[in-house]
Amino acid sequence: MRQKRYSSDLTDSQWETIKPYFTTDRRRRHDLRRDILDAILLSPKTGCQWRMLPGEFAPWQTVYYYFRRWREEGRLQCLLSALRRTVRREEGREGEPSALIIDCQSVSTSRTGGIASYDAYKSVKGRKRHLAVDTEGLPWNVMVHAAGDYESQWAFQVLTPICGRTEQDKTVFADSAYQGLGEEVENKLGWSLSIVEREDKESGFSVDPKRWIVERTFSWLGGWRRLNRDYERNTDSSETMVRTALLRIALNRLG
């Protein structure tokens, strides 16, 4: 058992909640699965590189092995899917939302390489994080792509997997960058698209109806140092880092 604990570590009650998703037949003197997950949570929170994980954890090669394995298995994504439904029910809502908000955030990339391009509108060279969230700010899909790609190019790739996992019709709220997709969304997904226009036409910050929810989710990611810039070579690792942070946020919202 580790003697030193970190603020990013799971609490006992949080671990008991998600422990069934990490079953194993191997017997150990201590719960390695929890230590591995704590190490994975520490990296995006503090910005720590895998090779520089504190010595209290398992060797970094072991931590990265499980990060990659759980990413490929979709285990963290499955866990996040279950948690967001649990959080919604605890807050008195249905497990499935009737409304989604879609938007993207441009972030700079590091020198590690991988897919990247220039977003002329935001003056950012890097990638875009494309999120579809419910009215609680919980993610229903995450995609990362080059910053130079238009939002409309990826809208259906973000929304289509959600459509396959739910039977409820939805209203999708978006900004003017998704203008013109309403008919396609209705024909292909059976949902309706609502474009939210700015109430304050003057330049500067304004709180837009519904869209402030996804902007709040992006602001939550700002509290995770490794997510202030995209340090991952592969976009699937970038998506998993975002899901890991949102998984921890969802756990914190459980009673």
Protein backbone atom coordinates (compact mmCIF):
# COMPACT_ATOMS: atom_id res chain seq x y z
CA MET A 1 0.00 0.00 0.00
CA ARG A 2 1.34 3.41 -0.94
CA GLN A 3 2.16 5.62 2.02
CA LYS A 4 2.02 8.94 0.17
CA ARG A 5 -1.30 10.06 -1.27
CA TYR A 6 -2.10 12.78 -3.83
CA SER A 7 -5.12 15.03 -4.26
CA SER A 8 -5.84 13.41 -7.63
CA ASP A 9 -6.15 9.95 -6.03
CA LEU A 10 -9.50 8.20 -5.88
CA THR A 11 -11.24 8.11 -2.53
CA ASP A 12 -12.25 4.75 -1.06
CA SER A 13 -15.91 5.30 -1.94
CA GLN A 14 -15.06 6.32 -5.51
CA TRP A 15 -12.90 3.25 -5.98
CA GLU A 16 -15.66 0.97 -4.67
CA THR A 17 -18.02 2.54 -7.21
CA ILE A 18 -15.84 1.76 -10.23
CA LYS A 19 -14.02 -1.33 -8.94
CA PRO A 20 -16.38 -3.79 -10.74
CA TYR A 21 -15.12 -2.41 -14.07
CA PHE A 22 -11.56 -3.50 -13.25
CA THR A 23 -12.07 -7.12 -12.20
CA THR A 24 -9.09 -9.48 -12.22
CA ASP A 25 -8.38 -13.07 -11.17
CA ARG A 26 -4.88 -12.27 -9.98
CA ARG A 27 -4.29 -12.00 -6.25
CA ARG A 28 -1.93 -9.36 -4.95
CA ARG A 29 -0.85 -8.05 -1.57
CA HIS A 30 -2.32 -4.67 -2.53
CA ASP A 31 -4.72 -3.47 -5.19
CA LEU A 32 -2.47 -2.68 -8.15
CA ARG A 33 -5.46 -1.70 -10.30
CA ARG A 34 -6.27 1.23 -8.03
CA ASP A 35 -2.63 2.36 -7.95
CA ILE A 36 -2.48 2.20 -11.75
CA LEU A 37 -5.64 4.28 -12.11
CA ASP A 38 -4.35 6.80 -9.56
CA ALA A 39 -1.14 7.12 -11.59
CA ILE A 40 -3.11 7.62 -14.81
CA LEU A 41 -5.17 10.35 -13.11
CA LEU A 42 -2.04 12.05 -11.77
CA SER A 43 -0.50 12.51 -15.22
CA PRO A 44 -3.16 14.76 -16.82
CA LYS A 45 -3.81 16.60 -13.56
CA THR A 46 -0.20 17.61 -12.90
CA GLY A 47 1.24 17.41 -16.43
CA CYS A 48 3.69 14.74 -15.29
CA GLN A 49 5.34 12.70 -18.04
CA TRP A 50 4.95 8.94 -17.87
CA ARG A 51 8.70 8.48 -17.33
CA MET A 52 8.66 10.93 -14.41
CA LEU A 53 5.87 9.39 -12.34
CA PRO A 54 6.68 9.40 -8.59
CA GLY A 55 8.34 6.28 -7.24
CA GLU A 56 5.35 5.43 -5.04
CA PHE A 57 3.53 4.15 -8.11
CA ALA A 58 4.22 1.11 -10.25
CA PRO A 59 6.99 1.45 -12.87
CA TRP A 60 5.98 3.89 -15.59
CA GLN A 61 6.13 1.15 -18.22
CA THR A 62 3.44 -0.74 -16.30
CA VAL A 63 1.26 2.35 -15.94
CA TYR A 64 1.55 3.19 -19.63
CA TYR A 65 0.84 -0.44 -20.57
CA TYR A 66 -2.49 -0.33 -18.73
CA PHE A 67 -3.29 3.15 -20.08
CA ARG A 68 -2.83 1.87 -23.62
CA ARG A 69 -4.61 -1.42 -22.93
CA TRP A 70 -7.67 0.23 -21.32
CA ARG A 71 -7.73 2.78 -24.14
CA GLU A 72 -7.80 0.06 -26.80
CA GLU A 73 -10.40 -1.96 -24.88
CA GLY A 74 -12.59 1.12 -24.51
CA ARG A 75 -12.80 0.43 -20.79
CA LEU A 76 -12.44 4.04 -19.67
CA GLN A 77 -15.02 5.10 -22.25
CA CYS A 78 -17.43 2.41 -21.03
CA LEU A 79 -16.89 3.49 -17.42
CA LEU A 80 -17.52 7.14 -18.28
CA SER A 81 -20.72 6.12 -20.06
CA ALA A 82 -22.01 4.34 -16.95
CA LEU A 83 -20.98 7.16 -14.61
CA ARG A 84 -22.69 9.93 -16.56
CA ARG A 85 -25.98 8.04 -16.38
CA THR A 86 -25.50 7.52 -12.65
CA VAL A 87 -24.76 11.20 -12.11
CA ARG A 88 -27.84 12.22 -14.10
CA ARG A 89 -30.11 9.93 -12.08
CA GLU A 90 -28.68 11.20 -8.80
CA GLU A 91 -29.52 14.72 -9.92
CA GLY A 92 -33.11 13.74 -10.68
CA ARG A 93 -32.83 13.38 -14.46
CA GLU A 94 -33.36 10.58 -16.91
CA GLY A 95 -30.34 8.45 -17.75
CA GLU A 96 -30.44 9.58 -21.38
CA PRO A 97 -30.60 13.27 -22.26
CA SER A 98 -33.10 14.85 -24.63
CA ALA A 99 -30.68 17.62 -25.60
CA LEU A 100 -27.00 17.78 -26.53
CA ILE A 101 -24.65 20.70 -27.06
CA ILE A 102 -21.81 20.35 -29.55
CA ASP A 103 -18.74 22.54 -29.92
CA CYS A 104 -14.97 22.35 -30.26
CA GLN A 105 -11.91 23.89 -28.64
CA SER A 106 -8.64 24.66 -30.43
CA VAL A 107 -5.44 23.90 -28.50
CA SER A 108 -1.79 24.14 -29.43
CA THR A 109 0.27 21.00 -29.84
CA SER A 110 3.76 20.30 -28.57
CA ARG A 111 6.78 19.13 -30.55
CA THR A 112 5.87 15.45 -30.26
CA GLY A 113 4.44 15.37 -33.77
CA GLY A 114 1.24 13.80 -35.02
CA ILE A 115 -1.80 15.31 -36.72
CA ALA A 116 -1.97 19.12 -36.51
CA SER A 117 -2.84 22.11 -38.68
CA TYR A 118 -3.54 25.83 -38.40
CA ASP A 119 -6.86 27.25 -37.23
CA ALA A 120 -6.95 30.66 -38.92
CA TYR A 121 -10.03 31.81 -36.99
CA LYS A 122 -8.50 31.15 -33.55
CA SER A 123 -4.87 31.72 -34.69
CA VAL A 124 -3.87 28.38 -33.19
CA LYS A 125 -1.66 25.71 -34.72
CA GLY A 126 -2.62 22.36 -33.27
CA ARG A 127 -5.79 20.33 -32.81
CA LYS A 128 -9.45 20.69 -31.99
CA ARG A 129 -11.24 18.86 -29.20
CA HIS A 130 -14.77 18.18 -30.36
CA LEU A 131 -17.25 17.53 -27.56
CA ALA A 132 -20.92 16.64 -27.43
CA VAL A 133 -22.25 17.13 -23.88
CA ASP A 134 -25.64 16.96 -22.19
CA THR A 135 -27.24 19.74 -20.17
CA GLU A 136 -25.23 18.65 -17.12
CA GLY A 137 -21.98 19.23 -19.00
CA LEU A 138 -21.19 15.50 -19.07
CA PRO A 139 -19.57 14.22 -22.28
CA TRP A 140 -21.36 11.85 -24.65
CA ASN A 141 -18.58 11.78 -27.18
CA VAL A 142 -15.06 13.15 -27.58
CA MET A 143 -13.10 13.46 -30.81
CA VAL A 144 -9.76 15.12 -31.53
CA HIS A 145 -8.76 16.23 -35.01
CA ALA A 146 -6.61 18.80 -36.78
CA ALA A 147 -7.38 22.40 -35.87
CA GLY A 148 -7.66 23.48 -39.49
CA ASP A 149 -10.66 21.21 -40.14
CA TYR A 150 -14.06 22.88 -40.09
CA GLU A 151 -16.51 21.90 -37.37
CA SER A 152 -19.08 20.82 -39.94
CA GLN A 153 -16.64 18.24 -41.35
CA TRP A 154 -16.64 16.29 -38.08
CA ALA A 155 -20.12 16.95 -36.71
CA PHE A 156 -21.59 13.64 -37.90
CA GLN A 157 -18.58 11.63 -36.74
CA VAL A 158 -19.15 13.09 -33.27
CA LEU A 159 -22.93 12.60 -33.22
CA THR A 160 -23.37 9.28 -35.07
CA PRO A 161 -21.88 7.03 -32.32
CA ILE A 162 -24.23 8.66 -29.80
CA CYS A 163 -27.20 7.93 -32.04
CA GLY A 164 -26.23 4.26 -32.07
CA ARG A 165 -26.21 4.10 -28.25
CA THR A 166 -29.54 5.81 -27.57
CA GLU A 167 -33.14 5.53 -28.73
CA GLN A 168 -34.37 8.93 -27.58
CA ASP A 169 -34.79 11.76 -30.07
CA LYS A 170 -32.61 14.74 -29.31
CA THR A 171 -32.21 18.41 -29.99
CA VAL A 172 -28.62 19.39 -30.75
CA PHE A 173 -27.62 22.96 -29.90
CA ALA A 174 -24.68 24.45 -31.78
CA ASP A 175 -23.20 27.75 -32.92
CA SER A 176 -23.20 29.25 -36.40
CA ALA A 177 -20.21 27.11 -37.47
CA TYR A 178 -22.69 24.22 -37.88
CA GLN A 179 -25.10 26.29 -39.95
CA GLY A 180 -26.56 24.34 -42.87
CA LEU A 181 -26.41 20.88 -41.26
CA GLY A 182 -29.98 20.94 -39.93
CA GLU A 183 -31.54 18.98 -42.81
CA GLU A 184 -28.79 16.34 -42.79
CA VAL A 185 -29.03 15.90 -39.03
CA GLU A 186 -32.77 15.36 -39.31
CA ASN A 187 -32.55 12.98 -42.27
CA LYS A 188 -29.59 10.89 -41.12
CA LEU A 189 -30.05 10.90 -37.35
CA GLY A 190 -33.69 11.82 -36.87
CA TRP A 191 -32.70 14.66 -34.53
CA SER A 192 -33.20 18.40 -34.77
CA LEU A 193 -30.41 20.98 -34.93
CA SER A 194 -30.88 24.35 -33.23
CA ILE A 195 -28.38 27.10 -34.06
CA VAL A 196 -27.86 29.41 -31.07
CA GLU A 197 -27.29 32.99 -32.12
CA ARG A 198 -25.46 35.48 -29.93
CA GLU A 199 -27.85 37.77 -28.10
CA ASP A 200 -25.19 40.46 -27.75
CA LYS A 201 -23.93 41.34 -31.21
CA GLU A 202 -21.11 43.50 -29.87
CA SER A 203 -17.59 42.10 -29.70
CA GLY A 204 -16.39 40.53 -26.49
CA PHE A 205 -17.56 37.79 -24.17
CA SER A 206 -21.24 36.89 -23.91
CA VAL A 207 -23.15 34.03 -22.29
CA ASP A 208 -25.07 32.22 -25.04
CA PRO A 209 -28.14 30.14 -24.16
CA LYS A 210 -27.34 26.42 -23.85
CA ARG A 211 -23.88 26.85 -25.40
CA TRP A 212 -22.45 28.11 -22.11
CA ILE A 213 -22.77 24.52 -20.85
CA VAL A 214 -20.20 23.08 -23.25
CA GLU A 215 -17.99 26.12 -22.69
CA ARG A 216 -18.10 25.32 -18.97
CA THR A 217 -16.96 21.77 -19.72
CA PHE A 218 -14.00 23.15 -21.68
CA SER A 219 -13.19 25.37 -18.69
CA TRP A 220 -13.16 22.29 -16.44
CA LEU A 221 -10.43 20.83 -18.66
CA GLY A 222 -8.38 23.97 -18.02
CA GLY A 223 -7.79 22.73 -14.48
CA TRP A 224 -5.81 19.77 -15.84
CA ARG A 225 -2.29 20.88 -16.67
CA ARG A 226 -1.56 18.27 -19.32
CA LEU A 227 -4.68 19.36 -21.21
CA ASN A 228 -3.71 23.03 -21.47
CA ARG A 229 -1.77 21.92 -24.56
CA ASP A 230 -1.99 18.71 -26.55
CA TYR A 231 1.16 16.74 -25.73
CA GLU A 232 0.07 13.43 -27.30
CA ARG A 233 1.43 12.08 -30.57
CA ASN A 234 -1.77 10.18 -31.39
CA THR A 235 -5.27 11.64 -31.33
CA ASP A 236 -6.71 8.54 -29.63
CA SER A 237 -4.37 9.18 -26.68
CA SER A 238 -5.55 12.81 -26.65
CA GLU A 239 -9.17 11.65 -26.51
CA THR A 240 -8.38 9.26 -23.68
CA MET A 241 -6.68 12.01 -21.69
CA VAL A 242 -9.80 14.16 -22.03
CA ARG A 243 -12.03 11.24 -21.02
CA THR A 244 -9.81 10.52 -18.01
CA ALA A 245 -10.20 14.08 -16.73
CA LEU A 246 -13.96 14.05 -17.31
CA LEU A 247 -14.18 10.66 -15.62
CA ARG A 248 -12.62 12.14 -12.47
CA ILE A 249 -14.98 15.14 -12.66
CA ALA A 250 -17.99 12.81 -12.94
CA LEU A 251 -16.79 10.83 -9.90
CA ASN A 252 -16.51 14.04 -7.89
CA ARG A 253 -20.17 14.79 -8.64
CA LEU A 254 -21.41 11.51 -7.19
CA GLY A 255 -22.98 11.75 -3.74
